[in-house]
Amino acid sequence: MLLKAKKVEAIGAYRLRVWFTDGSVGERDFEEELSRGGPMAQPLLDPAFFAQVFLDCGAPTWPNGYDMAPWALHKDMEQEGLLRRTEPV
């Protein structure tokens, strides 16, 4: 099964809460990551633009086309201890 995000919510200037198809959910701050990014990440430093996040084929995405691979996001959040299980496996 390919891991995807099934819901995403902006919670604060650079924070996302992400629900994944494996039944886990977590919150993560992206300010540091975005500040190192290139031209595609630059618009996301505007909190109003960051809040426009939506899902496209299970990937958190923004109107300028910037997206995050859901499997990589899950892996990073898991390694950082930021995920908790909300649904049975």
C-alpha atoms as a PDB file:
ATOM      1  CA  MET A   1       0.000   0.000   0.000  1.00  0.00           C
ATOM      2  CA  LEU A   2       1.288   3.430  -0.962  1.00  0.00           C
ATOM      3  CA  LEU A   3       1.278   5.768   2.036  1.00  0.00           C
ATOM      4  CA  LYS A   4      -0.575   9.046   1.469  1.00  0.00           C
ATOM      5  CA  ALA A   5      -1.897  11.928   3.489  1.00  0.00           C
ATOM      6  CA  LYS A   6      -5.665  11.788   3.813  1.00  0.00           C
ATOM      7  CA  LYS A   7      -6.121  15.151   5.512  1.00  0.00           C
ATOM      8  CA  VAL A   8      -3.914  18.184   6.086  1.00  0.00           C
ATOM      9  CA  GLU A   9      -4.464  21.294   8.163  1.00  0.00           C
ATOM     10  CA  ALA A  10      -2.331  24.404   8.636  1.00  0.00           C
ATOM     11  CA  ILE A  11      -2.091  25.151  12.362  1.00  0.00           C
ATOM     12  CA  GLY A  12      -0.009  28.230  12.912  1.00  0.00           C
ATOM     13  CA  ALA A  13       2.437  30.130  10.761  1.00  0.00           C
ATOM     14  CA  TYR A  14       4.493  27.152   9.519  1.00  0.00           C
ATOM     15  CA  ARG A  15       2.921  24.118  11.207  1.00  0.00           C
ATOM     16  CA  LEU A  16       0.934  21.341   9.610  1.00  0.00           C
ATOM     17  CA  ARG A  17      -1.189  18.637  11.161  1.00  0.00           C
ATOM     18  CA  VAL A  18      -1.227  15.646   8.807  1.00  0.00           C
ATOM     19  CA  TRP A  19      -3.392  12.524   8.947  1.00  0.00           C
ATOM     20  CA  PHE A  20      -1.961   9.552   7.042  1.00  0.00           C
ATOM     21  CA  THR A  21      -3.629   6.529   5.462  1.00  0.00           C
ATOM     22  CA  ASP A  22      -1.883   4.203   7.950  1.00  0.00           C
ATOM     23  CA  GLY A  23      -3.979   5.687  10.772  1.00  0.00           C
ATOM     24  CA  SER A  24      -1.299   7.972  12.178  1.00  0.00           C
ATOM     25  CA  VAL A  25      -1.431  11.732  12.706  1.00  0.00           C
ATOM     26  CA  GLY A  26       1.217  14.240  13.617  1.00  0.00           C
ATOM     27  CA  GLU A  27       2.179  17.888  13.722  1.00  0.00           C
ATOM     28  CA  ARG A  28       5.373  19.393  12.408  1.00  0.00           C
ATOM     29  CA  ASP A  29       6.897  22.863  12.090  1.00  0.00           C
ATOM     30  CA  PHE A  30       8.412  23.643   8.685  1.00  0.00           C
ATOM     31  CA  GLU A  31       9.846  27.130   9.253  1.00  0.00           C
ATOM     32  CA  GLU A  32      13.500  26.036   9.307  1.00  0.00           C
ATOM     33  CA  GLU A  33      13.061  23.752   6.296  1.00  0.00           C
ATOM     34  CA  LEU A  34      11.281  26.447   4.268  1.00  0.00           C
ATOM     35  CA  SER A  35      13.846  29.116   5.125  1.00  0.00           C
ATOM     36  CA  ARG A  36      16.552  26.901   3.525  1.00  0.00           C
ATOM     37  CA  GLY A  37      14.431  26.263   0.424  1.00  0.00           C
ATOM     38  CA  GLY A  38      14.691  27.761  -3.022  1.00  0.00           C
ATOM     39  CA  PRO A  39      12.333  29.833  -5.140  1.00  0.00           C
ATOM     40  CA  MET A  40       9.442  27.343  -4.882  1.00  0.00           C
ATOM     41  CA  ALA A  41       9.556  27.413  -1.072  1.00  0.00           C
ATOM     42  CA  GLN A  42       9.864  31.208  -0.806  1.00  0.00           C
ATOM     43  CA  PRO A  43       6.099  31.953  -1.116  1.00  0.00           C
ATOM     44  CA  LEU A  44       5.384  29.519   1.747  1.00  0.00           C
ATOM     45  CA  LEU A  45       7.224  31.845   4.142  1.00  0.00           C
ATOM     46  CA  ASP A  46       4.123  34.052   3.957  1.00  0.00           C
ATOM     47  CA  PRO A  47       1.835  32.533   6.627  1.00  0.00           C
ATOM     48  CA  ALA A  48      -1.281  33.373   4.584  1.00  0.00           C
ATOM     49  CA  PHE A  49       0.113  31.469   1.597  1.00  0.00           C
ATOM     50  CA  PHE A  50       1.287  28.589   3.792  1.00  0.00           C
ATOM     51  CA  ALA A  51      -2.281  28.263   5.108  1.00  0.00           C
ATOM     52  CA  GLN A  52      -3.520  27.535   1.556  1.00  0.00           C
ATOM     53  CA  VAL A  53      -2.211  23.948   1.759  1.00  0.00           C
ATOM     54  CA  PHE A  54      -4.396  21.270   0.175  1.00  0.00           C
ATOM     55  CA  LEU A  55      -4.042  17.625  -0.831  1.00  0.00           C
ATOM     56  CA  ASP A  56      -3.275  16.589  -4.394  1.00  0.00           C
ATOM     57  CA  CYS A  57      -3.177  12.814  -4.851  1.00  0.00           C
ATOM     58  CA  GLY A  58      -2.390  12.421  -1.155  1.00  0.00           C
ATOM     59  CA  ALA A  59       0.475  14.936  -1.082  1.00  0.00           C
ATOM     60  CA  PRO A  60       0.418  18.255   0.828  1.00  0.00           C
ATOM     61  CA  THR A  61       0.533  20.846  -1.949  1.00  0.00           C
ATOM     62  CA  TRP A  62       0.370  24.633  -2.344  1.00  0.00           C
ATOM     63  CA  PRO A  63      -1.060  26.789  -5.151  1.00  0.00           C
ATOM     64  CA  ASN A  64       2.399  27.431  -6.650  1.00  0.00           C
ATOM     65  CA  GLY A  65       2.947  23.672  -7.171  1.00  0.00           C
ATOM     66  CA  TYR A  66       5.247  23.095  -4.187  1.00  0.00           C
ATOM     67  CA  ASP A  67       4.482  19.710  -2.682  1.00  0.00           C
ATOM     68  CA  MET A  68       5.795  17.234  -0.142  1.00  0.00           C
ATOM     69  CA  ALA A  69       6.140  13.512  -0.738  1.00  0.00           C
ATOM     70  CA  PRO A  70       3.790  11.997   1.854  1.00  0.00           C
ATOM     71  CA  TRP A  71       5.920   8.897   2.428  1.00  0.00           C
ATOM     72  CA  ALA A  72       9.029  11.020   3.087  1.00  0.00           C
ATOM     73  CA  LEU A  73       7.085  13.364   5.355  1.00  0.00           C
ATOM     74  CA  HIS A  74       5.759  10.366   7.308  1.00  0.00           C
ATOM     75  CA  LYS A  75       9.253   8.888   7.617  1.00  0.00           C
ATOM     76  CA  ASP A  76      10.705  12.181   8.896  1.00  0.00           C
ATOM     77  CA  MET A  77       7.870  12.697  11.357  1.00  0.00           C
ATOM     78  CA  GLU A  78       8.192   9.115  12.589  1.00  0.00           C
ATOM     79  CA  GLN A  79      11.949   9.487  13.126  1.00  0.00           C
ATOM     80  CA  GLU A  80      11.343  12.743  15.020  1.00  0.00           C
ATOM     81  CA  GLY A  81       8.739  11.083  17.268  1.00  0.00           C
ATOM     82  CA  LEU A  82       5.963  13.328  16.000  1.00  0.00           C
ATOM     83  CA  LEU A  83       3.388  10.678  15.003  1.00  0.00           C
ATOM     84  CA  ARG A  84       0.716   8.999  17.052  1.00  0.00           C
ATOM     85  CA  ARG A  85      -1.761   6.333  16.026  1.00  0.00           C
ATOM     86  CA  THR A  86      -5.408   7.388  15.860  1.00  0.00           C
ATOM     87  CA  GLU A  87      -6.835   4.332  14.130  1.00  0.00           C
ATOM     88  CA  PRO A  88      -6.171   0.591  14.489  1.00  0.00           C
ATOM     89  CA  VAL A  89      -3.753  -0.909  11.986  1.00  0.00           C
END
